[in-house]
Protein backbone atom coordinates (compact mmCIF):
# COMPACT_ATOMS: atom_id res chain seq x y z
CA MET A 1 -0.11 0.17 0.08
CA VAL A 2 1.49 3.23 -0.90
CA ILE A 3 -0.36 6.56 1.60
CA TYR A 4 0.20 10.15 -0.22
CA ASN A 5 0.31 12.64 2.69
CA VAL A 6 -1.34 15.70 2.41
CA THR A 7 -0.01 18.49 5.37
CA ILE A 8 -1.28 21.27 5.29
CA ASN A 9 -0.54 24.11 7.56
CA VAL A 10 -4.30 26.39 7.65
CA ASP A 11 -4.76 29.89 8.55
CA VAL A 12 -6.74 30.22 11.47
CA ASN A 13 -9.01 32.60 10.61
CA ILE A 14 -10.28 30.36 7.71
CA GLN A 15 -10.14 27.13 9.79
CA GLU A 16 -13.19 26.00 10.33
CA ASP A 17 -14.45 27.22 6.60
CA TRP A 18 -11.39 25.21 5.01
CA LEU A 19 -12.33 22.44 7.11
CA ASN A 20 -15.93 22.15 6.17
CA TRP A 21 -14.69 23.09 2.35
CA MET A 22 -12.48 19.52 2.47
CA LYS A 23 -14.76 17.40 4.16
CA LYS A 24 -17.42 18.12 2.08
CA GLU A 25 -15.36 18.71 -1.33
CA HIS A 26 -11.99 18.46 -1.78
CA ILE A 27 -11.97 14.78 -0.26
CA PRO A 28 -15.19 13.70 -2.39
CA ASP A 29 -13.64 14.91 -5.65
CA VAL A 30 -9.98 13.82 -4.68
CA LEU A 31 -11.73 9.96 -3.46
CA ASN A 32 -14.26 10.54 -6.57
CA THR A 33 -11.21 9.66 -9.15
CA GLY A 34 -10.96 6.48 -8.63
CA LYS A 35 -7.34 6.08 -7.60
CA PHE A 36 -7.79 5.25 -3.87
CA GLN A 37 -9.33 3.42 -1.23
CA GLY A 38 -9.43 5.34 1.85
CA TYR A 39 -8.44 8.94 3.26
CA ARG A 40 -7.89 9.49 6.98
CA MET A 41 -7.34 12.98 7.98
CA LEU A 42 -5.58 14.53 10.88
CA ARG A 43 -4.78 16.99 12.77
CA VAL A 44 -1.26 18.23 13.94
CA VAL A 45 -0.89 18.24 18.21
CA ASN A 46 3.19 18.64 18.45
CA ARG A 47 3.29 22.60 17.17
CA SER A 48 6.77 24.37 16.90
CA ALA A 49 6.77 27.01 19.12
CA GLY A 50 5.91 30.60 17.09
CA GLU A 51 4.05 28.13 14.20
CA GLU A 52 1.41 30.01 13.40
CA GLY A 53 -1.85 28.85 11.85
CA VAL A 54 -3.10 24.97 12.54
CA THR A 55 -1.63 22.04 10.62
CA TYR A 56 -3.63 19.55 8.96
CA ALA A 57 -1.83 15.46 7.77
CA VAL A 58 -4.62 13.87 5.10
CA GLN A 59 -3.71 10.62 4.07
CA TYR A 60 -5.17 9.05 1.00
CA PHE A 61 -4.78 5.00 1.20
CA CYS A 62 -3.82 4.26 -2.79
CA GLU A 63 -2.99 0.38 -3.77
CA ASN A 64 0.09 0.60 -5.64
CA LEU A 65 2.50 3.61 -7.11
CA ARG A 66 1.46 3.09 -10.38
CA LYS A 67 -2.49 4.26 -9.40
CA LEU A 68 -1.53 7.04 -7.47
CA GLN A 69 1.19 8.29 -10.71
CA GLU A 70 -2.04 8.09 -12.75
CA TYR A 71 -4.03 10.84 -10.07
CA GLN A 72 -0.74 12.68 -10.23
CA ALA A 73 -0.72 12.64 -14.45
CA HIS A 74 -4.76 12.87 -14.45
CA TYR A 75 -6.02 14.75 -11.72
CA ALA A 76 -3.36 16.04 -9.19
CA GLN A 77 -3.18 20.18 -11.20
CA LEU A 78 -6.91 20.60 -11.48
CA LEU A 79 -7.20 20.16 -8.05
CA GLN A 80 -4.69 21.48 -6.10
CA GLN A 81 -5.19 24.41 -8.01
CA LYS A 82 -8.88 24.19 -7.17
CA HIS A 83 -7.47 24.50 -3.77
CA GLN A 84 -5.00 27.13 -4.98
CA ASP A 85 -8.19 29.47 -6.23
CA LYS A 86 -9.97 29.21 -3.22
CA TYR A 87 -7.76 29.47 -0.14
CA GLY A 88 -4.62 31.06 -2.11
CA THR A 89 -1.78 32.32 0.54
CA GLN A 90 -3.59 30.92 3.25
CA VAL A 91 -3.01 27.41 2.86
CA MET A 92 0.83 26.16 2.58
CA ALA A 93 0.93 22.75 1.28
CA PHE A 94 3.24 20.04 1.05
CA ARG A 95 3.25 16.34 -0.10
CA THR A 96 4.95 12.84 0.66
CA ILE A 97 4.63 9.33 -0.77
CA LEU A 98 4.73 7.08 1.96
CA GLU A 99 5.39 3.05 2.04
CA ASP A 100 3.59 0.18 4.12
CA VAL A 101 6.40 -1.66 4.89
């Protein structure tokens, strides 16, 4: 199994709106691509001193690396752009690929 992990730091002023949008629109859109088997969303609790915002990790579960690469080639750019268009600099995201061992 491959885990596509997206870590997102969210401005506290939009946190509730962002969380609602993620759960009702963005995550369903990602899952509707048919490339993932499920997901989980977590809030990071061990924050660094002086860190602003609230940080979340969304982990999407993928059967294999090929399916993740298909998602990245055909869907990721559009979905990431929708996220960027909606929230701009109020969110900062980075992505990692993890493998179950």
